[in-house]
PDB file of N, CA and C in Angstrom:
ATOM      1  N   MET A   1     -18.664 -23.296 -12.316  1.00  0.00           N
ATOM      2  CA  MET A   1     -18.711 -23.237 -10.869  1.00  0.00           C
ATOM      3  C   MET A   1     -19.259 -24.555 -10.357  1.00  0.00           C
ATOM      4  N   LYS A   2     -18.572 -25.142  -9.462  1.00  0.00           N
ATOM      5  CA  LYS A   2     -18.980 -26.425  -8.901  1.00  0.00           C
ATOM      6  C   LYS A   2     -19.943 -26.173  -7.753  1.00  0.00           C
ATOM      7  N   ARG A   3     -21.049 -26.853  -7.773  1.00  0.00           N
ATOM      8  CA  ARG A   3     -22.063 -26.642  -6.736  1.00  0.00           C
ATOM      9  C   ARG A   3     -21.910 -27.700  -5.656  1.00  0.00           C
ATOM     10  N   LEU A   4     -21.874 -27.228  -4.442  1.00  0.00           N
ATOM     11  CA  LEU A   4     -21.830 -28.137  -3.307  1.00  0.00           C
ATOM     12  C   LEU A   4     -23.237 -28.607  -2.994  1.00  0.00           C
ATOM     13  N   GLY A   5     -23.366 -29.668  -2.327  1.00  0.00           N
ATOM     14  CA  GLY A   5     -24.660 -30.242  -2.025  1.00  0.00           C
ATOM     15  C   GLY A   5     -25.476 -29.428  -1.051  1.00  0.00           C
ATOM     16  N   ARG A   6     -24.872 -28.528  -0.285  1.00  0.00           N
ATOM     17  CA  ARG A   6     -25.598 -27.765   0.733  1.00  0.00           C
ATOM     18  C   ARG A   6     -25.772 -26.317   0.289  1.00  0.00           C
ATOM     19  N   SER A   7     -26.791 -25.686   0.781  1.00  0.00           N
ATOM     20  CA  SER A   7     -27.004 -24.270   0.452  1.00  0.00           C
ATOM     21  C   SER A   7     -26.117 -23.410   1.340  1.00  0.00           C
ATOM     22  N   PRO A   8     -25.746 -22.202   0.877  1.00  0.00           N
ATOM     23  CA  PRO A   8     -24.910 -21.304   1.700  1.00  0.00           C
ATOM     24  C   PRO A   8     -25.561 -20.927   3.017  1.00  0.00           C
ATOM     25  N   VAL A   9     -26.889 -20.863   3.039  1.00  0.00           N
ATOM     26  CA  VAL A   9     -27.574 -20.508   4.284  1.00  0.00           C
ATOM     27  C   VAL A   9     -27.407 -21.617   5.306  1.00  0.00           C
ATOM     28  N   ALA A  10     -27.482 -22.861   4.838  1.00  0.00           N
ATOM     29  CA  ALA A  10     -27.339 -23.996   5.747  1.00  0.00           C
ATOM     30  C   ALA A  10     -25.919 -24.091   6.289  1.00  0.00           C
ATOM     31  N   LEU A  11     -24.930 -23.664   5.480  1.00  0.00           N
ATOM     32  CA  LEU A  11     -23.547 -23.745   5.922  1.00  0.00           C
ATOM     33  C   LEU A  11     -23.239 -22.707   6.998  1.00  0.00           C
ATOM     34  N   GLY A  12     -23.803 -21.517   6.864  1.00  0.00           N
ATOM     35  CA  GLY A  12     -23.527 -20.456   7.820  1.00  0.00           C
ATOM     36  C   GLY A  12     -22.148 -19.861   7.586  1.00  0.00           C
ATOM     37  N   VAL A  13     -21.799 -18.871   8.375  1.00  0.00           N
ATOM     38  CA  VAL A  13     -20.514 -18.188   8.209  1.00  0.00           C
ATOM     39  C   VAL A  13     -19.359 -19.131   8.480  1.00  0.00           C
ATOM     40  N   LYS A  14     -19.467 -19.930   9.506  1.00  0.00           N
ATOM     41  CA  LYS A  14     -18.376 -20.826   9.859  1.00  0.00           C
ATOM     42  C   LYS A  14     -18.103 -21.831   8.744  1.00  0.00           C
ATOM     43  N   GLY A  15     -19.158 -22.337   8.131  1.00  0.00           N
ATOM     44  CA  GLY A  15     -18.996 -23.308   7.060  1.00  0.00           C
ATOM     45  C   GLY A  15     -18.359 -22.710   5.827  1.00  0.00           C
ATOM     46  N   ARG A  16     -18.694 -21.471   5.507  1.00  0.00           N
ATOM     47  CA  ARG A  16     -18.142 -20.841   4.307  1.00  0.00           C
ATOM     48  C   ARG A  16     -16.722 -20.364   4.516  1.00  0.00           C
ATOM     49  N   LEU A  17     -16.417 -19.859   5.685  1.00  0.00           N
ATOM     50  CA  LEU A  17     -15.100 -19.268   5.930  1.00  0.00           C
ATOM     51  C   LEU A  17     -14.254 -20.074   6.896  1.00  0.00           C
ATOM     52  N   GLY A  18     -14.820 -21.076   7.495  1.00  0.00           N
ATOM     53  CA  GLY A  18     -14.110 -21.810   8.540  1.00  0.00           C
ATOM     54  C   GLY A  18     -12.765 -22.340   8.108  1.00  0.00           C
ATOM     55  N   GLY A  19     -12.688 -22.981   6.948  1.00  0.00           N
ATOM     56  CA  GLY A  19     -11.420 -23.527   6.480  1.00  0.00           C
ATOM     57  C   GLY A  19     -10.393 -22.444   6.208  1.00  0.00           C
ATOM     58  N   ARG A  20     -10.816 -21.366   5.542  1.00  0.00           N
ATOM     59  CA  ARG A  20      -9.900 -20.276   5.205  1.00  0.00           C
ATOM     60  C   ARG A  20      -9.438 -19.535   6.458  1.00  0.00           C
ATOM     61  N   ALA A  21     -10.363 -19.253   7.373  1.00  0.00           N
ATOM     62  CA  ALA A  21     -10.009 -18.556   8.609  1.00  0.00           C
ATOM     63  C   ALA A  21      -9.055 -19.397   9.452  1.00  0.00           C
ATOM     64  N   ALA A  22      -9.287 -20.694   9.503  1.00  0.00           N
ATOM     65  CA  ALA A  22      -8.399 -21.564  10.272  1.00  0.00           C
ATOM     66  C   ALA A  22      -7.007 -21.564   9.666  1.00  0.00           C
ATOM     67  N   LYS A  23      -6.927 -21.534   8.349  1.00  0.00           N
ATOM     68  CA  LYS A  23      -5.630 -21.517   7.681  1.00  0.00           C
ATOM     69  C   LYS A  23      -4.879 -20.219   7.984  1.00  0.00           C
ATOM     70  N   LEU A  24      -5.593 -19.074   7.980  1.00  0.00           N
ATOM     71  CA  LEU A  24      -4.962 -17.801   8.305  1.00  0.00           C
ATOM     72  C   LEU A  24      -4.471 -17.779   9.742  1.00  0.00           C
ATOM     73  N   ASP A  25      -5.238 -18.353  10.667  1.00  0.00           N
ATOM     74  CA  ASP A  25      -4.810 -18.412  12.061  1.00  0.00           C
ATOM     75  C   ASP A  25      -3.530 -19.217  12.203  1.00  0.00           C
ATOM     76  N   THR A  26      -3.432 -20.311  11.474  1.00  0.00           N
ATOM     77  CA  THR A  26      -2.233 -21.147  11.526  1.00  0.00           C
ATOM     78  C   THR A  26      -1.021 -20.395  10.999  1.00  0.00           C
ATOM     79  N   VAL A  27      -1.198 -19.638   9.910  1.00  0.00           N
ATOM     80  CA  VAL A  27      -0.107 -18.849   9.346  1.00  0.00           C
ATOM     81  C   VAL A  27       0.337 -17.780  10.342  1.00  0.00           C
ATOM     82  N   ALA A  28      -0.624 -17.109  10.982  1.00  0.00           N
ATOM     83  CA  ALA A  28      -0.294 -16.063  11.947  1.00  0.00           C
ATOM     84  C   ALA A  28       0.460 -16.633  13.141  1.00  0.00           C
ATOM     85  N   GLU A  29       0.103 -17.830  13.566  1.00  0.00           N
ATOM     86  CA  GLU A  29       0.792 -18.436  14.705  1.00  0.00           C
ATOM     87  C   GLU A  29       2.226 -18.820  14.344  1.00  0.00           C
ATOM     88  N   LYS A  30       2.460 -19.201  13.103  1.00  0.00           N
ATOM     89  CA  LYS A  30       3.799 -19.610  12.686  1.00  0.00           C
ATOM     90  C   LYS A  30       4.687 -18.421  12.334  1.00  0.00           C
ATOM     91  N   GLN A  31       4.086 -17.241  12.109  1.00  0.00           N
ATOM     92  CA  GLN A  31       4.851 -16.054  11.743  1.00  0.00           C
ATOM     93  C   GLN A  31       5.699 -15.602  12.932  1.00  0.00           C
ATOM     94  N   ALA A  32       6.979 -15.484  12.720  1.00  0.00           N
ATOM     95  CA  ALA A  32       7.881 -15.042  13.784  1.00  0.00           C
ATOM     96  C   ALA A  32       8.268 -13.587  13.540  1.00  0.00           C
ATOM     97  N   PHE A  33       7.989 -12.735  14.499  1.00  0.00           N
ATOM     98  CA  PHE A  33       8.360 -11.336  14.393  1.00  0.00           C
ATOM     99  C   PHE A  33       9.648 -11.110  15.177  1.00  0.00           C
ATOM    100  N   PRO A  34      10.471 -10.170  14.746  1.00  0.00           N
ATOM    101  CA  PRO A  34      11.731  -9.933  15.453  1.00  0.00           C
ATOM    102  C   PRO A  34      11.567  -9.196  16.776  1.00  0.00           C
ATOM    103  N   TRP A  35      10.360  -8.796  17.121  1.00  0.00           N
ATOM    104  CA  TRP A  35      10.109  -8.120  18.387  1.00  0.00           C
ATOM    105  C   TRP A  35       9.070  -8.902  19.182  1.00  0.00           C
ATOM    106  N   GLY A  36       9.088  -8.703  20.469  1.00  0.00           N
ATOM    107  CA  GLY A  36       8.188  -9.436  21.346  1.00  0.00           C
ATOM    108  C   GLY A  36       6.834  -8.766  21.474  1.00  0.00           C
ATOM    109  N   PRO A  37       5.875  -9.454  22.083  1.00  0.00           N
ATOM    110  CA  PRO A  37       4.557  -8.856  22.293  1.00  0.00           C
ATOM    111  C   PRO A  37       4.663  -7.638  23.208  1.00  0.00           C
ATOM    112  N   GLY A  38       3.910  -6.621  22.897  1.00  0.00           N
ATOM    113  CA  GLY A  38       3.901  -5.415  23.715  1.00  0.00           C
ATOM    114  C   GLY A  38       5.035  -4.456  23.414  1.00  0.00           C
ATOM    115  N   THR A  39       5.791  -4.701  22.371  1.00  0.00           N
ATOM    116  CA  THR A  39       6.882  -3.803  22.007  1.00  0.00           C
ATOM    117  C   THR A  39       6.303  -2.511  21.451  1.00  0.00           C
ATOM    118  N   ALA A  40       6.861  -1.388  21.854  1.00  0.00           N
ATOM    119  CA  ALA A  40       6.365  -0.078  21.419  1.00  0.00           C
ATOM    120  C   ALA A  40       7.387   0.597  20.520  1.00  0.00           C
ATOM    121  N   THR A  41       6.901   1.490  19.694  1.00  0.00           N
ATOM    122  CA  THR A  41       7.742   2.342  18.871  1.00  0.00           C
ATOM    123  C   THR A  41       7.081   3.701  18.794  1.00  0.00           C
ATOM    124  N   GLY A  42       7.618   4.603  18.028  1.00  0.00           N
ATOM    125  CA  GLY A  42       7.053   5.942  17.936  1.00  0.00           C
ATOM    126  C   GLY A  42       7.182   6.496  16.541  1.00  0.00           C
ATOM    127  N   VAL A  43       6.508   7.600  16.337  1.00  0.00           N
ATOM    128  CA  VAL A  43       6.583   8.312  15.072  1.00  0.00           C
ATOM    129  C   VAL A  43       6.268   9.770  15.360  1.00  0.00           C
ATOM    130  N   GLY A  44       6.910  10.664  14.637  1.00  0.00           N
ATOM    131  CA  GLY A  44       6.562  12.069  14.790  1.00  0.00           C
ATOM    132  C   GLY A  44       7.679  12.934  15.332  1.00  0.00           C
ATOM    133  N   SER A  45       7.285  14.128  15.691  1.00  0.00           N
ATOM    134  CA  SER A  45       8.230  15.164  16.080  1.00  0.00           C
ATOM    135  C   SER A  45       8.682  15.020  17.528  1.00  0.00           C
ATOM    136  N   MET A  46       9.900  15.480  17.742  1.00  0.00           N
ATOM    137  CA  MET A  46      10.442  15.591  19.104  1.00  0.00           C
ATOM    138  C   MET A  46      10.964  17.008  19.276  1.00  0.00           C
ATOM    139  N   PRO A  47      10.945  17.519  20.484  1.00  0.00           N
ATOM    140  CA  PRO A  47      11.505  18.849  20.702  1.00  0.00           C
ATOM    141  C   PRO A  47      13.029  18.796  20.644  1.00  0.00           C
ATOM    142  N   GLY A  48      13.609  19.916  20.360  1.00  0.00           N
ATOM    143  CA  GLY A  48      15.056  20.015  20.350  1.00  0.00           C
ATOM    144  C   GLY A  48      15.634  20.098  18.954  1.00  0.00           C
ATOM    145  N   GLU A  49      16.966  20.216  18.918  1.00  0.00           N
ATOM    146  CA  GLU A  49      17.669  20.375  17.646  1.00  0.00           C
ATOM    147  C   GLU A  49      18.837  19.412  17.490  1.00  0.00           C
ATOM    148  N   ASN A  50      19.103  18.572  18.475  1.00  0.00           N
ATOM    149  CA  ASN A  50      20.266  17.692  18.455  1.00  0.00           C
ATOM    150  C   ASN A  50      19.847  16.269  18.073  1.00  0.00           C
ATOM    151  N   PRO A  51      20.229  15.803  16.869  1.00  0.00           N
ATOM    152  CA  PRO A  51      19.827  14.450  16.464  1.00  0.00           C
ATOM    153  C   PRO A  51      20.495  13.351  17.289  1.00  0.00           C
ATOM    154  N   MET A  52      21.701  13.587  17.788  1.00  0.00           N
ATOM    155  CA  MET A  52      22.377  12.587  18.624  1.00  0.00           C
ATOM    156  C   MET A  52      21.640  12.399  19.946  1.00  0.00           C
ATOM    157  N   GLU A  53      21.214  13.500  20.535  1.00  0.00           N
ATOM    158  CA  GLU A  53      20.466  13.424  21.798  1.00  0.00           C
ATOM    159  C   GLU A  53      19.124  12.729  21.589  1.00  0.00           C
ATOM    160  N   ALA A  54      18.431  13.049  20.495  1.00  0.00           N
ATOM    161  CA  ALA A  54      17.150  12.405  20.198  1.00  0.00           C
ATOM    162  C   ALA A  54      17.344  10.907  19.989  1.00  0.00           C
ATOM    163  N   ALA A  55      18.378  10.515  19.256  1.00  0.00           N
ATOM    164  CA  ALA A  55      18.645   9.087  19.020  1.00  0.00           C
ATOM    165  C   ALA A  55      18.982   8.377  20.331  1.00  0.00           C
ATOM    166  N   ARG A  56      19.712   9.040  21.216  1.00  0.00           N
ATOM    167  CA  ARG A  56      20.052   8.452  22.511  1.00  0.00           C
ATOM    168  C   ARG A  56      18.799   8.225  23.359  1.00  0.00           C
ATOM    169  N   ILE A  57      17.909   9.202  23.361  1.00  0.00           N
ATOM    170  CA  ILE A  57      16.666   9.083  24.136  1.00  0.00           C
ATOM    171  C   ILE A  57      15.803   7.958  23.581  1.00  0.00           C
ATOM    172  N   ILE A  58      15.674   7.912  22.272  1.00  0.00           N
ATOM    173  CA  ILE A  58      14.835   6.880  21.647  1.00  0.00           C
ATOM    174  C   ILE A  58      15.415   5.495  21.889  1.00  0.00           C
ATOM    175  N   ALA A  59      16.715   5.341  21.736  1.00  0.00           N
ATOM    176  CA  ALA A  59      17.345   4.036  21.967  1.00  0.00           C
ATOM    177  C   ALA A  59      17.211   3.605  23.423  1.00  0.00           C
ATOM    178  N   GLY A  60      17.213   4.558  24.344  1.00  0.00           N
ATOM    179  CA  GLY A  60      17.045   4.225  25.754  1.00  0.00           C
ATOM    180  C   GLY A  60      15.617   3.865  26.118  1.00  0.00           C
ATOM    181  N   GLU A  61      14.654   4.562  25.522  1.00  0.00           N
ATOM    182  CA  GLU A  61      13.245   4.339  25.857  1.00  0.00           C
ATOM    183  C   GLU A  61      12.619   3.198  25.062  1.00  0.00           C
ATOM    184  N   LEU A  62      13.029   3.036  23.809  1.00  0.00           N
ATOM    185  CA  LEU A  62      12.431   2.024  22.927  1.00  0.00           C
ATOM    186  C   LEU A  62      13.527   1.174  22.280  1.00  0.00           C
ATOM    187  N   PRO A  63      14.243   0.395  23.057  1.00  0.00           N
ATOM    188  CA  PRO A  63      15.392  -0.335  22.508  1.00  0.00           C
ATOM    189  C   PRO A  63      15.018  -1.451  21.527  1.00  0.00           C
ATOM    190  N   ASP A  64      13.820  -2.015  21.648  1.00  0.00           N
ATOM    191  CA  ASP A  64      13.444  -3.128  20.781  1.00  0.00           C
ATOM    192  C   ASP A  64      13.077  -2.695  19.372  1.00  0.00           C
ATOM    193  N   LEU A  65      12.502  -1.514  19.223  1.00  0.00           N
ATOM    194  CA  LEU A  65      12.045  -1.045  17.918  1.00  0.00           C
ATOM    195  C   LEU A  65      12.193   0.478  17.832  1.00  0.00           C
ATOM    196  N   PRO A  66      13.429   0.988  17.746  1.00  0.00           N
ATOM    197  CA  PRO A  66      13.644   2.441  17.699  1.00  0.00           C
ATOM    198  C   PRO A  66      13.124   3.031  16.392  1.00  0.00           C
ATOM    199  N   TYR A  67      12.904   4.312  16.392  1.00  0.00           N
ATOM    200  CA  TYR A  67      12.425   5.017  15.197  1.00  0.00           C
ATOM    201  C   TYR A  67      13.284   6.241  14.933  1.00  0.00           C
ATOM    202  N   LEU A  68      13.170   6.769  13.726  1.00  0.00           N
ATOM    203  CA  LEU A  68      13.924   7.949  13.319  1.00  0.00           C
ATOM    204  C   LEU A  68      13.113   9.188  13.686  1.00  0.00           C
ATOM    205  N   ALA A  69      13.620   9.953  14.630  1.00  0.00           N
ATOM    206  CA  ALA A  69      12.890  11.119  15.125  1.00  0.00           C
ATOM    207  C   ALA A  69      12.949  12.265  14.123  1.00  0.00           C
ATOM    208  N   GLU A  70      11.923  13.069  14.156  1.00  0.00           N
ATOM    209  CA  GLU A  70      11.848  14.279  13.357  1.00  0.00           C
ATOM    210  C   GLU A  70      12.065  15.457  14.304  1.00  0.00           C
ATOM    211  N   LEU A  71      12.968  16.348  13.948  1.00  0.00           N
ATOM    212  CA  LEU A  71      13.304  17.492  14.804  1.00  0.00           C
ATOM    213  C   LEU A  71      13.012  18.793  14.062  1.00  0.00           C
ATOM    214  N   PRO A  72      11.749  19.233  14.012  1.00  0.00           N
ATOM    215  CA  PRO A  72      11.413  20.433  13.240  1.00  0.00           C
ATOM    216  C   PRO A  72      12.022  21.711  13.792  1.00  0.00           C
ATOM    217  N   GLY A  73      12.515  21.688  15.017  1.00  0.00           N
ATOM    218  CA  GLY A  73      13.159  22.861  15.588  1.00  0.00           C
ATOM    219  C   GLY A  73      14.456  23.228  14.895  1.00  0.00           C
ATOM    220  N   ARG A  74      14.966  22.338  14.062  1.00  0.00           N
ATOM    221  CA  ARG A  74      16.216  22.621  13.336  1.00  0.00           C
ATOM    222  C   ARG A  74      15.993  23.506  12.129  1.00  0.00           C
ATOM    223  N   GLY A  75      14.742  23.763  11.783  1.00  0.00           N
ATOM    224  CA  GLY A  75      14.462  24.676  10.681  1.00  0.00           C
ATOM    225  C   GLY A  75      13.800  24.004   9.499  1.00  0.00           C
ATOM    226  N   PRO A  76      13.611  24.765   8.430  1.00  0.00           N
ATOM    227  CA  PRO A  76      12.956  24.215   7.235  1.00  0.00           C
ATOM    228  C   PRO A  76      13.740  23.032   6.673  1.00  0.00           C
ATOM    229  N   GLY A  77      13.030  22.022   6.305  1.00  0.00           N
ATOM    230  CA  GLY A  77      13.668  20.815   5.790  1.00  0.00           C
ATOM    231  C   GLY A  77      13.780  19.726   6.835  1.00  0.00           C
ATOM    232  N   ALA A  78      13.638  20.080   8.101  1.00  0.00           N
ATOM    233  CA  ALA A  78      13.728  19.088   9.171  1.00  0.00           C
ATOM    234  C   ALA A  78      12.349  18.580   9.591  1.00  0.00           C
ATOM    235  N   ASP A  79      11.298  19.252   9.132  1.00  0.00           N
ATOM    236  CA  ASP A  79       9.943  18.813   9.459  1.00  0.00           C
ATOM    237  C   ASP A  79       9.529  17.668   8.536  1.00  0.00           C
ATOM    238  N   ILE A  80       8.356  17.117   8.750  1.00  0.00           N
ATOM    239  CA  ILE A  80       7.912  15.953   7.995  1.00  0.00           C
ATOM    240  C   ILE A  80       7.750  16.272   6.507  1.00  0.00           C
ATOM    241  N   THR A  81       7.280  17.468   6.182  1.00  0.00           N
ATOM    242  CA  THR A  81       7.118  17.840   4.778  1.00  0.00           C
ATOM    243  C   THR A  81       8.464  18.042   4.108  1.00  0.00           C
ATOM    244  N   GLY A  82       9.381  18.696   4.785  1.00  0.00           N
ATOM    245  CA  GLY A  82      10.717  18.897   4.232  1.00  0.00           C
ATOM    246  C   GLY A  82      11.466  17.583   4.069  1.00  0.00           C
ATOM    247  N   ARG A  83      11.290  16.682   5.028  1.00  0.00           N
ATOM    248  CA  ARG A  83      11.946  15.374   4.925  1.00  0.00           C
ATOM    249  C   ARG A  83      11.420  14.604   3.717  1.00  0.00           C
ATOM    250  N   THR A  84      10.122  14.657   3.512  1.00  0.00           N
ATOM    251  CA  THR A  84       9.533  13.992   2.349  1.00  0.00           C
ATOM    252  C   THR A  84       9.993  14.659   1.064  1.00  0.00           C
ATOM    253  N   ALA A  85      10.091  15.978   1.056  1.00  0.00           N
ATOM    254  CA  ALA A  85      10.581  16.689  -0.129  1.00  0.00           C
ATOM    255  C   ALA A  85      12.007  16.276  -0.470  1.00  0.00           C
ATOM    256  N   GLY A  86      12.792  15.992   0.543  1.00  0.00           N
ATOM    257  CA  GLY A  86      14.161  15.544   0.303  1.00  0.00           C
ATOM    258  C   GLY A  86      14.234  14.158  -0.303  1.00  0.00           C
ATOM    259  N   LEU A  87      13.187  13.372  -0.152  1.00  0.00           N
ATOM    260  CA  LEU A  87      13.160  12.027  -0.715  1.00  0.00           C
ATOM    261  C   LEU A  87      12.675  12.006  -2.163  1.00  0.00           C
ATOM    262  N   LEU A  88      12.043  13.083  -2.618  1.00  0.00           N
ATOM    263  CA  LEU A  88      11.539  13.129  -3.991  1.00  0.00           C
ATOM    264  C   LEU A  88      12.702  13.178  -4.969  1.00  0.00           C
ATOM    265  N   VAL A  89      12.666  12.335  -5.974  1.00  0.00           N
ATOM    266  CA  VAL A  89      13.784  12.250  -6.924  1.00  0.00           C
ATOM    267  C   VAL A  89      13.499  13.060  -8.182  1.00  0.00           C
ATOM    268  N   ASP A  90      12.382  12.803  -8.827  1.00  0.00           N
ATOM    269  CA  ASP A  90      12.074  13.442 -10.102  1.00  0.00           C
ATOM    270  C   ASP A  90      11.075  14.586  -9.993  1.00  0.00           C
ATOM    271  N   LEU A  91      10.839  15.066  -8.794  1.00  0.00           N
ATOM    272  CA  LEU A  91       9.910  16.167  -8.587  1.00  0.00           C
ATOM    273  C   LEU A  91      10.601  17.229  -7.727  1.00  0.00           C
ATOM    274  N   PRO A  92      11.280  18.187  -8.374  1.00  0.00           N
ATOM    275  CA  PRO A  92      11.990  19.204  -7.592  1.00  0.00           C
ATOM    276  C   PRO A  92      11.016  20.150  -6.887  1.00  0.00           C
ATOM    277  N   VAL A  93      11.356  20.500  -5.673  1.00  0.00           N
ATOM    278  CA  VAL A  93      10.537  21.418  -4.884  1.00  0.00           C
ATOM    279  C   VAL A  93      11.441  22.474  -4.264  1.00  0.00           C
ATOM    280  N   GLU A  94      10.810  23.539  -3.811  1.00  0.00           N
ATOM    281  CA  GLU A  94      11.540  24.603  -3.121  1.00  0.00           C
ATOM    282  C   GLU A  94      10.672  25.155  -2.008  1.00  0.00           C
ATOM    283  N   LEU A  95      11.307  25.793  -1.063  1.00  0.00           N
ATOM    284  CA  LEU A  95      10.589  26.394   0.052  1.00  0.00           C
ATOM    285  C   LEU A  95       9.961  27.693  -0.426  1.00  0.00           C
ATOM    286  N   ALA A  96       8.682  27.851  -0.188  1.00  0.00           N
ATOM    287  CA  ALA A  96       7.941  29.029  -0.649  1.00  0.00           C
ATOM    288  C   ALA A  96       7.639  29.953   0.516  1.00  0.00           C
ATOM    289  N   GLY A  97       8.648  30.314   1.256  1.00  0.00           N
ATOM    290  CA  GLY A  97       8.459  31.211   2.386  1.00  0.00           C
ATOM    291  C   GLY A  97       7.721  30.541   3.522  1.00  0.00           C
ATOM    292  N   PRO A  98       6.942  31.310   4.272  1.00  0.00           N
ATOM    293  CA  PRO A  98       6.239  30.739   5.426  1.00  0.00           C
ATOM    294  C   PRO A  98       5.048  29.866   5.024  1.00  0.00           C
ATOM    295  N   ARG A  99       4.671  29.878   3.752  1.00  0.00           N
ATOM    296  CA  ARG A  99       3.505  29.107   3.318  1.00  0.00           C
ATOM    297  C   ARG A  99       3.804  27.633   3.151  1.00  0.00           C
ATOM    298  N   GLY A 100       5.048  27.252   2.961  1.00  0.00           N
ATOM    299  CA  GLY A 100       5.381  25.843   2.801  1.00  0.00           C
ATOM    300  C   GLY A 100       6.206  25.585   1.554  1.00  0.00           C
ATOM    301  N   TRP A 101       6.009  24.429   0.955  1.00  0.00           N
ATOM    302  CA  TRP A 101       6.791  23.977  -0.183  1.00  0.00           C
ATOM    303  C   TRP A 101       5.973  24.050  -1.462  1.00  0.00           C
ATOM    304  N   ARG A 102       6.673  24.228  -2.594  1.00  0.00           N
ATOM    305  CA  ARG A 102       6.004  24.232  -3.891  1.00  0.00           C
ATOM    306  C   ARG A 102       6.894  23.546  -4.922  1.00  0.00           C
ATOM    307  N   ILE A 103       6.283  23.113  -6.000  1.00  0.00           N
ATOM    308  CA  ILE A 103       7.015  22.461  -7.092  1.00  0.00           C
ATOM    309  C   ILE A 103       7.869  23.507  -7.790  1.00  0.00           C
ATOM    310  N   ALA A 104       9.088  23.158  -8.136  1.00  0.00           N
ATOM    311  CA  ALA A 104      10.032  24.090  -8.754  1.00  0.00           C
ATOM    312  C   ALA A 104      10.526  23.539 -10.089  1.00  0.00           C
ATOM    313  N   GLU A 105      11.265  24.362 -10.800  1.00  0.00           N
ATOM    314  CA  GLU A 105      11.822  23.937 -12.087  1.00  0.00           C
ATOM    315  C   GLU A 105      13.013  23.003 -11.911  1.00  0.00           C
ATOM    316  N   ARG A 106      13.811  23.259 -10.891  1.00  0.00           N
ATOM    317  CA  ARG A 106      14.988  22.422 -10.627  1.00  0.00           C
ATOM    318  C   ARG A 106      15.203  22.358  -9.116  1.00  0.00           C
ATOM    319  N   PRO A 107      15.918  21.342  -8.670  1.00  0.00           N
ATOM    320  CA  PRO A 107      16.170  21.242  -7.222  1.00  0.00           C
ATOM    321  C   PRO A 107      16.913  22.475  -6.696  1.00  0.00           C
ATOM    322  N   ALA A 108      16.452  22.993  -5.600  1.00  0.00           N
ATOM    323  CA  ALA A 108      17.053  24.185  -5.001  1.00  0.00           C
ATOM    324  C   ALA A 108      17.842  23.800  -3.757  1.00  0.00           C
ATOM    325  N   ARG A 109      18.431  24.794  -3.134  1.00  0.00           N
ATOM    326  CA  ARG A 109      19.244  24.528  -1.937  1.00  0.00           C
ATOM    327  C   ARG A 109      18.386  24.024  -0.783  1.00  0.00           C
ATOM    328  N   ASP A 110      17.081  24.336  -0.818  1.00  0.00           N
ATOM    329  CA  ASP A 110      16.182  23.863   0.238  1.00  0.00           C
ATOM    330  C   ASP A 110      16.117  22.337   0.260  1.00  0.00           C
ATOM    331  N   VAL A 111      16.081  21.727  -0.917  1.00  0.00           N
ATOM    332  CA  VAL A 111      16.040  20.268  -0.991  1.00  0.00           C
ATOM    333  C   VAL A 111      17.382  19.690  -0.557  1.00  0.00           C
ATOM    334  N   ARG A 112      18.473  20.327  -0.941  1.00  0.00           N
ATOM    335  CA  ARG A 112      19.800  19.867  -0.485  1.00  0.00           C
ATOM    336  C   ARG A 112      19.902  19.940   1.032  1.00  0.00           C
ATOM    337  N   ARG A 113      19.348  20.996   1.610  1.00  0.00           N
ATOM    338  CA  ARG A 113      19.355  21.125   3.071  1.00  0.00           C
ATOM    339  C   ARG A 113      18.516  20.016   3.711  1.00  0.00           C
ATOM    340  N   ALA A 114      17.340  19.757   3.160  1.00  0.00           N
ATOM    341  CA  ALA A 114      16.478  18.696   3.698  1.00  0.00           C
ATOM    342  C   ALA A 114      17.174  17.344   3.609  1.00  0.00           C
ATOM    343  N   ARG A 115      17.846  17.075   2.495  1.00  0.00           N
ATOM    344  CA  ARG A 115      18.581  15.807   2.346  1.00  0.00           C
ATOM    345  C   ARG A 115      19.738  15.728   3.331  1.00  0.00           C
ATOM    346  N   SER A 116      20.400  16.844   3.552  1.00  0.00           N
ATOM    347  CA  SER A 116      21.508  16.870   4.504  1.00  0.00           C
ATOM    348  C   SER A 116      21.016  16.617   5.936  1.00  0.00           C
ATOM    349  N   LEU A 117      19.897  17.226   6.294  1.00  0.00           N
ATOM    350  CA  LEU A 117      19.335  17.012   7.630  1.00  0.00           C
ATOM    351  C   LEU A 117      18.898  15.555   7.821  1.00  0.00           C
ATOM    352  N   LEU A 118      18.286  14.977   6.799  1.00  0.00           N
ATOM    353  CA  LEU A 118      17.892  13.571   6.885  1.00  0.00           C
ATOM    354  C   LEU A 118      19.120  12.678   7.008  1.00  0.00           C
ATOM    355  N   SER A 119      20.155  12.994   6.265  1.00  0.00           N
ATOM    356  CA  SER A 119      21.397  12.222   6.335  1.00  0.00           C
ATOM    357  C   SER A 119      22.012  12.281   7.737  1.00  0.00           C
ATOM    358  N   SER A 120      22.038  13.456   8.332  1.00  0.00           N
ATOM    359  CA  SER A 120      22.599  13.565   9.689  1.00  0.00           C
ATOM    360  C   SER A 120      21.717  12.850  10.708  1.00  0.00           C
ATOM    361  N   ASP A 121      20.395  12.854  10.501  1.00  0.00           N
ATOM    362  CA  ASP A 121      19.507  12.095  11.389  1.00  0.00           C
ATOM    363  C   ASP A 121      19.779  10.602  11.289  1.00  0.00           C
ATOM    364  N   LEU A 122      19.970  10.122  10.061  1.00  0.00           N
ATOM    365  CA  LEU A 122      20.267   8.698   9.872  1.00  0.00           C
ATOM    366  C   LEU A 122      21.630   8.329  10.455  1.00  0.00           C
ATOM    367  N   ASP A 123      22.599   9.220  10.316  1.00  0.00           N
ATOM    368  CA  ASP A 123      23.916   8.965  10.913  1.00  0.00           C
ATOM    369  C   ASP A 123      23.827   8.885  12.433  1.00  0.00           C
ATOM    370  N   ALA A 124      23.001   9.736  13.022  1.00  0.00           N
ATOM    371  CA  ALA A 124      22.849   9.724  14.475  1.00  0.00           C
ATOM    372  C   ALA A 124      22.163   8.467  14.954  1.00  0.00           C
ATOM    373  N   MET A 125      21.263   7.939  14.130  1.00  0.00           N
ATOM    374  CA  MET A 125      20.541   6.734  14.508  1.00  0.00           C
ATOM    375  C   MET A 125      21.494   5.557  14.540  1.00  0.00           C
TER     376      MET A 125
END
């Protein structure tokens, strides 16, 4: 370890981090984002059952950074847990009645339904 001539106390926070912090500020200023300042987006559930209508509303309200809406009113597999279950590849799950989802021996029709609902949501987007 190379010792500098000054003690860390004498340098203070600015002396120890000043060079690194200034470098990070420069990087942040040069970073170009595809959206402007103050751009909004969303996440979560929306009421209704029509993915085309939800996509139309989102594109109209948040044109700079639209999001994929979740429509739990369409039934099991359309909620956030069912959508995530549809993305699982090597972990088969099934719907366990009103209690939710559970790990299964093989993929069931519930996962196929969740994948189908996600596919139609993506098509609508």
